[in-house]
C-alpha atoms as a PDB file:
ATOM      1  CA  UNK A   1      17.220  38.209 -75.140  1.00  0.00           C
ATOM      2  CA  UNK A   2      19.180  40.117 -72.338  1.00  0.00           C
ATOM      3  CA  UNK A   3      18.424  37.890 -69.855  1.00  0.00           C
ATOM      4  CA  UNK A   4      20.046  34.958 -72.142  1.00  0.00           C
ATOM      5  CA  UNK A   5      23.050  37.500 -72.076  1.00  0.00           C
ATOM      6  CA  UNK A   6      22.789  38.207 -68.272  1.00  0.00           C
ATOM      7  CA  UNK A   7      22.370  34.484 -67.085  1.00  0.00           C
ATOM      8  CA  UNK A   8      24.404  32.390 -70.039  1.00  0.00           C
ATOM      9  CA  UNK A   9      26.535  34.246 -72.804  1.00  0.00           C
ATOM     10  CA  UNK A  10      28.686  37.084 -70.391  1.00  0.00           C
ATOM     11  CA  UNK A  11      31.090  38.501 -72.241  1.00  0.00           C
ATOM     12  CA  UNK A  12      30.853  36.821 -75.333  1.00  0.00           C
ATOM     13  CA  UNK A  13      27.818  39.348 -75.797  1.00  0.00           C
ATOM     14  CA  UNK A  14      30.251  42.455 -74.807  1.00  0.00           C
ATOM     15  CA  UNK A  15      30.078  43.782 -78.375  1.00  0.00           C
ATOM     16  CA  UNK A  16      25.925  43.542 -78.401  1.00  0.00           C
ATOM     17  CA  UNK A  17      25.759  44.553 -75.087  1.00  0.00           C
ATOM     18  CA  UNK A  18      28.029  48.076 -75.662  1.00  0.00           C
ATOM     19  CA  UNK A  19      25.899  48.603 -78.960  1.00  0.00           C
ATOM     20  CA  UNK A  20      22.726  48.478 -77.213  1.00  0.00           C
ATOM     21  CA  UNK A  21      24.676  51.294 -74.987  1.00  0.00           C
ATOM     22  CA  UNK A  22      24.648  53.078 -77.996  1.00  0.00           C
ATOM     23  CA  UNK A  23      21.194  53.543 -78.930  1.00  0.00           C
ATOM     24  CA  UNK A  24      20.353  53.042 -75.026  1.00  0.00           C
ATOM     25  CA  UNK A  25      16.776  52.665 -74.980  1.00  0.00           C
ATOM     26  CA  UNK A  26      15.158  53.511 -70.831  1.00  0.00           C
ATOM     27  CA  UNK A  27      12.411  51.042 -70.830  1.00  0.00           C
ATOM     28  CA  UNK A  28      15.372  48.798 -70.801  1.00  0.00           C
ATOM     29  CA  UNK A  29      17.421  49.681 -68.125  1.00  0.00           C
ATOM     30  CA  UNK A  30      16.487  47.135 -66.265  1.00  0.00           C
ATOM     31  CA  UNK A  31      17.957  44.508 -68.205  1.00  0.00           C
ATOM     32  CA  UNK A  32      20.596  45.878 -69.822  1.00  0.00           C
ATOM     33  CA  UNK A  33      22.046  46.384 -66.397  1.00  0.00           C
ATOM     34  CA  UNK A  34      21.814  42.806 -65.879  1.00  0.00           C
ATOM     35  CA  UNK A  35      23.161  42.000 -69.306  1.00  0.00           C
ATOM     36  CA  UNK A  36      26.233  44.466 -68.566  1.00  0.00           C
ATOM     37  CA  UNK A  37      27.206  43.524 -65.262  1.00  0.00           C
ATOM     38  CA  UNK A  38      28.073  39.647 -66.861  1.00  0.00           C
ATOM     39  CA  UNK A  39      29.294  40.988 -69.962  1.00  0.00           C
ATOM     40  CA  UNK A  40      31.274  44.033 -69.801  1.00  0.00           C
ATOM     41  CA  UNK A  41      34.361  44.965 -67.303  1.00  0.00           C
ATOM     42  CA  UNK A  42      32.777  45.976 -63.778  1.00  0.00           C
ATOM     43  CA  UNK A  43      33.649  49.881 -64.167  1.00  0.00           C
ATOM     44  CA  UNK A  44      32.706  50.105 -67.402  1.00  0.00           C
ATOM     45  CA  UNK A  45      29.425  48.849 -66.567  1.00  0.00           C
ATOM     46  CA  UNK A  46      28.979  50.715 -63.823  1.00  0.00           C
ATOM     47  CA  UNK A  47      29.691  53.853 -65.419  1.00  0.00           C
ATOM     48  CA  UNK A  48      26.847  53.625 -67.577  1.00  0.00           C
ATOM     49  CA  UNK A  49      24.633  52.451 -65.327  1.00  0.00           C
ATOM     50  CA  UNK A  50      25.610  54.635 -62.641  1.00  0.00           C
ATOM     51  CA  UNK A  51      25.028  57.112 -65.694  1.00  0.00           C
ATOM     52  CA  UNK A  52      21.676  56.333 -66.437  1.00  0.00           C
ATOM     53  CA  UNK A  53      20.400  56.370 -62.399  1.00  0.00           C
ATOM     54  CA  UNK A  54      21.563  59.678 -62.218  1.00  0.00           C
ATOM     55  CA  UNK A  55      18.262  60.169 -64.332  1.00  0.00           C
ATOM     56  CA  UNK A  56      15.880  58.395 -61.951  1.00  0.00           C
ATOM     57  CA  UNK A  57      13.701  60.379 -59.531  1.00  0.00           C
ATOM     58  CA  UNK A  58      15.143  60.032 -55.448  1.00  0.00           C
ATOM     59  CA  UNK A  59      11.598  58.431 -54.462  1.00  0.00           C
ATOM     60  CA  UNK A  60      12.406  55.080 -57.168  1.00  0.00           C
ATOM     61  CA  UNK A  61      16.269  55.715 -56.902  1.00  0.00           C
ATOM     62  CA  UNK A  62      16.765  53.065 -54.381  1.00  0.00           C
ATOM     63  CA  UNK A  63      14.706  50.198 -56.030  1.00  0.00           C
ATOM     64  CA  UNK A  64      16.222  51.014 -59.425  1.00  0.00           C
ATOM     65  CA  UNK A  65      19.250  50.712 -57.783  1.00  0.00           C
ATOM     66  CA  UNK A  66      19.288  47.714 -56.019  1.00  0.00           C
ATOM     67  CA  UNK A  67      17.483  46.113 -59.364  1.00  0.00           C
ATOM     68  CA  UNK A  68      20.319  47.546 -61.642  1.00  0.00           C
ATOM     69  CA  UNK A  69      23.605  47.204 -59.517  1.00  0.00           C
ATOM     70  CA  UNK A  70      22.995  43.790 -57.338  1.00  0.00           C
ATOM     71  CA  UNK A  71      24.951  41.763 -59.901  1.00  0.00           C
ATOM     72  CA  UNK A  72      28.018  43.208 -60.094  1.00  0.00           C
ATOM     73  CA  UNK A  73      28.983  43.291 -55.988  1.00  0.00           C
ATOM     74  CA  UNK A  74      30.990  45.550 -55.934  1.00  0.00           C
ATOM     75  CA  UNK A  75      33.256  48.171 -53.444  1.00  0.00           C
ATOM     76  CA  UNK A  76      32.402  50.733 -56.456  1.00  0.00           C
ATOM     77  CA  UNK A  77      28.734  50.112 -55.387  1.00  0.00           C
ATOM     78  CA  UNK A  78      29.260  50.589 -52.314  1.00  0.00           C
ATOM     79  CA  UNK A  79      30.970  54.024 -52.652  1.00  0.00           C
ATOM     80  CA  UNK A  80      28.470  54.972 -54.616  1.00  0.00           C
ATOM     81  CA  UNK A  81      25.843  54.581 -52.369  1.00  0.00           C
ATOM     82  CA  UNK A  82      27.794  56.220 -49.889  1.00  0.00           C
ATOM     83  CA  UNK A  83      27.859  59.561 -52.162  1.00  0.00           C
ATOM     84  CA  UNK A  84      24.299  59.261 -53.594  1.00  0.00           C
ATOM     85  CA  UNK A  85      21.537  58.176 -51.006  1.00  0.00           C
ATOM     86  CA  UNK A  86      19.928  60.765 -49.592  1.00  0.00           C
ATOM     87  CA  UNK A  87      17.512  59.169 -47.356  1.00  0.00           C
ATOM     88  CA  UNK A  88      16.952  56.173 -45.574  1.00  0.00           C
ATOM     89  CA  UNK A  89      15.370  53.146 -47.850  1.00  0.00           C
ATOM     90  CA  UNK A  90      15.204  49.354 -47.232  1.00  0.00           C
ATOM     91  CA  UNK A  91      17.076  48.645 -50.936  1.00  0.00           C
ATOM     92  CA  UNK A  92      19.902  50.676 -50.396  1.00  0.00           C
ATOM     93  CA  UNK A  93      21.061  48.054 -47.298  1.00  0.00           C
ATOM     94  CA  UNK A  94      19.873  45.305 -49.906  1.00  0.00           C
ATOM     95  CA  UNK A  95      22.072  46.388 -52.191  1.00  0.00           C
ATOM     96  CA  UNK A  96      25.050  46.802 -49.567  1.00  0.00           C
ATOM     97  CA  UNK A  97      25.004  43.067 -48.154  1.00  0.00           C
ATOM     98  CA  UNK A  98      25.479  41.963 -51.508  1.00  0.00           C
ATOM     99  CA  UNK A  99      28.147  44.064 -52.328  1.00  0.00           C
ATOM    100  CA  UNK A 100      31.077  42.664 -50.176  1.00  0.00           C
ATOM    101  CA  UNK A 101      30.830  45.501 -47.032  1.00  0.00           C
ATOM    102  CA  UNK A 102      33.515  45.847 -44.617  1.00  0.00           C
ATOM    103  CA  UNK A 103      33.277  46.232 -41.149  1.00  0.00           C
ATOM    104  CA  UNK A 104      35.534  49.461 -41.422  1.00  0.00           C
ATOM    105  CA  UNK A 105      32.446  50.679 -43.615  1.00  0.00           C
ATOM    106  CA  UNK A 106      30.001  50.019 -41.406  1.00  0.00           C
ATOM    107  CA  UNK A 107      31.973  51.719 -38.398  1.00  0.00           C
ATOM    108  CA  UNK A 108      32.665  54.525 -41.114  1.00  0.00           C
ATOM    109  CA  UNK A 109      28.796  54.618 -42.127  1.00  0.00           C
ATOM    110  CA  UNK A 110      27.264  54.738 -38.785  1.00  0.00           C
ATOM    111  CA  UNK A 111      30.216  58.048 -37.617  1.00  0.00           C
ATOM    112  CA  UNK A 112      28.476  59.477 -40.518  1.00  0.00           C
ATOM    113  CA  UNK A 113      25.113  58.989 -39.045  1.00  0.00           C
ATOM    114  CA  UNK A 114      21.859  58.955 -40.798  1.00  0.00           C
ATOM    115  CA  UNK A 115      20.755  58.287 -43.677  1.00  0.00           C
ATOM    116  CA  UNK A 116      23.978  55.853 -43.649  1.00  0.00           C
ATOM    117  CA  UNK A 117      24.349  54.698 -40.361  1.00  0.00           C
ATOM    118  CA  UNK A 118      20.771  53.049 -41.088  1.00  0.00           C
ATOM    119  CA  UNK A 119      21.914  51.554 -44.182  1.00  0.00           C
ATOM    120  CA  UNK A 120      24.666  50.202 -42.268  1.00  0.00           C
ATOM    121  CA  UNK A 121      22.398  48.714 -39.679  1.00  0.00           C
ATOM    122  CA  UNK A 122      20.450  47.429 -42.145  1.00  0.00           C
ATOM    123  CA  UNK A 123      23.416  45.902 -44.437  1.00  0.00           C
ATOM    124  CA  UNK A 124      24.537  44.607 -41.259  1.00  0.00           C
ATOM    125  CA  UNK A 125      20.503  42.887 -41.060  1.00  0.00           C
ATOM    126  CA  UNK A 126      20.800  41.332 -43.992  1.00  0.00           C
ATOM    127  CA  UNK A 127      23.254  39.214 -43.807  1.00  0.00           C
ATOM    128  CA  UNK A 128      20.913  37.344 -41.152  1.00  0.00           C
ATOM    129  CA  UNK A 129      19.543  34.054 -43.127  1.00  0.00           C
ATOM    130  CA  UNK A 130      15.281  34.656 -42.280  1.00  0.00           C
ATOM    131  CA  UNK A 131      15.660  38.590 -42.109  1.00  0.00           C
ATOM    132  CA  UNK A 132      15.990  39.899 -45.504  1.00  0.00           C
ATOM    133  CA  UNK A 133      14.368  38.526 -49.089  1.00  0.00           C
ATOM    134  CA  UNK A 134      14.964  35.343 -50.764  1.00  0.00           C
ATOM    135  CA  UNK A 135      17.276  37.215 -53.155  1.00  0.00           C
ATOM    136  CA  UNK A 136      19.734  39.158 -50.978  1.00  0.00           C
ATOM    137  CA  UNK A 137      20.189  35.958 -48.706  1.00  0.00           C
ATOM    138  CA  UNK A 138      20.771  33.444 -52.017  1.00  0.00           C
ATOM    139  CA  UNK A 139      24.514  35.278 -52.139  1.00  0.00           C
ATOM    140  CA  UNK A 140      24.698  34.458 -48.025  1.00  0.00           C
ATOM    141  CA  UNK A 141      25.941  38.183 -47.491  1.00  0.00           C
ATOM    142  CA  UNK A 142      28.451  38.823 -44.753  1.00  0.00           C
ATOM    143  CA  UNK A 143      30.186  42.003 -43.569  1.00  0.00           C
ATOM    144  CA  UNK A 144      34.258  41.526 -44.225  1.00  0.00           C
ATOM    145  CA  UNK A 145      37.359  42.051 -42.336  1.00  0.00           C
ATOM    146  CA  UNK A 146      35.544  42.460 -38.395  1.00  0.00           C
ATOM    147  CA  UNK A 147      36.930  42.343 -35.698  1.00  0.00           C
ATOM    148  CA  UNK A 148      34.532  40.915 -33.654  1.00  0.00           C
ATOM    149  CA  UNK A 149      36.112  42.453 -30.008  1.00  0.00           C
ATOM    150  CA  UNK A 150      34.784  45.667 -30.931  1.00  0.00           C
ATOM    151  CA  UNK A 151      31.142  44.769 -32.865  1.00  0.00           C
ATOM    152  CA  UNK A 152      28.958  44.991 -29.941  1.00  0.00           C
ATOM    153  CA  UNK A 153      30.673  48.019 -28.592  1.00  0.00           C
ATOM    154  CA  UNK A 154      30.550  49.779 -31.566  1.00  0.00           C
ATOM    155  CA  UNK A 155      26.644  49.147 -32.050  1.00  0.00           C
ATOM    156  CA  UNK A 156      25.825  49.756 -28.575  1.00  0.00           C
ATOM    157  CA  UNK A 157      27.779  53.230 -28.779  1.00  0.00           C
ATOM    158  CA  UNK A 158      25.510  53.835 -32.074  1.00  0.00           C
ATOM    159  CA  UNK A 159      22.610  53.065 -29.821  1.00  0.00           C
ATOM    160  CA  UNK A 160      23.247  55.848 -27.450  1.00  0.00           C
ATOM    161  CA  UNK A 161      23.263  58.488 -30.012  1.00  0.00           C
ATOM    162  CA  UNK A 162      20.010  57.098 -31.598  1.00  0.00           C
ATOM    163  CA  UNK A 163      18.257  55.309 -29.395  1.00  0.00           C
ATOM    164  CA  UNK A 164      14.819  55.117 -31.530  1.00  0.00           C
ATOM    165  CA  UNK A 165      12.800  51.661 -31.130  1.00  0.00           C
ATOM    166  CA  UNK A 166      14.415  50.696 -35.243  1.00  0.00           C
ATOM    167  CA  UNK A 167      17.775  51.626 -33.999  1.00  0.00           C
ATOM    168  CA  UNK A 168      17.692  49.286 -30.768  1.00  0.00           C
ATOM    169  CA  UNK A 169      15.265  46.350 -32.910  1.00  0.00           C
ATOM    170  CA  UNK A 170      18.052  46.181 -35.961  1.00  0.00           C
ATOM    171  CA  UNK A 171      21.390  46.462 -33.184  1.00  0.00           C
ATOM    172  CA  UNK A 172      19.777  43.685 -30.309  1.00  0.00           C
ATOM    173  CA  UNK A 173      19.237  41.716 -34.034  1.00  0.00           C
ATOM    174  CA  UNK A 174      22.609  42.272 -35.328  1.00  0.00           C
ATOM    175  CA  UNK A 175      24.355  41.127 -31.997  1.00  0.00           C
ATOM    176  CA  UNK A 176      22.414  38.098 -31.162  1.00  0.00           C
ATOM    177  CA  UNK A 177      23.695  36.848 -34.750  1.00  0.00           C
ATOM    178  CA  UNK A 178      26.990  38.454 -34.785  1.00  0.00           C
ATOM    179  CA  UNK A 179      28.451  34.759 -35.451  1.00  0.00           C
ATOM    180  CA  UNK A 180      26.485  34.608 -38.534  1.00  0.00           C
ATOM    181  CA  UNK A 181      26.820  38.278 -40.079  1.00  0.00           C
ATOM    182  CA  UNK A 182      30.674  39.082 -39.108  1.00  0.00           C
ATOM    183  CA  UNK A 183      33.682  37.054 -41.141  1.00  0.00           C
ATOM    184  CA  UNK A 184      37.088  37.722 -40.008  1.00  0.00           C
ATOM    185  CA  UNK A 185      38.435  37.023 -43.307  1.00  0.00           C
END
């Protein structure tokens, strides 16, 4: 029933979804989060889910966060990633890519160092068709409000600070596909 709420009923089921949160069953975290994204106001829904994600172990948190939060597509999710991520995991970049990241935020994350700098690189790389998974691709993610003239300079500066092979590969992929990744709008 929660999948029907998530994909069909939306806001018309908001009362029922609120009732489910009052009698929350942790086994329903994923489906209730999907229904929450489509039926409750974003701030209310995210508050409920952020509270439950605090109880998830550090190792499981990135995949749980992606599964619960990707439907919100909100900059509030990006704020939460910034304050929550303590280690790198591919799922942080997948999640960030679908939440309308801006170039300004990507630069900030690159400047903050690991793990956020690696998450920023993965976020940008996930905007390339054929790079990430098909689920992320269906959203056609882009890095918004970009100054295309500084992209290569900023990325190369970062590579000089963190020249490991993974970073080299990501920077090369991003620079090679920058027309697809970055949106000026």
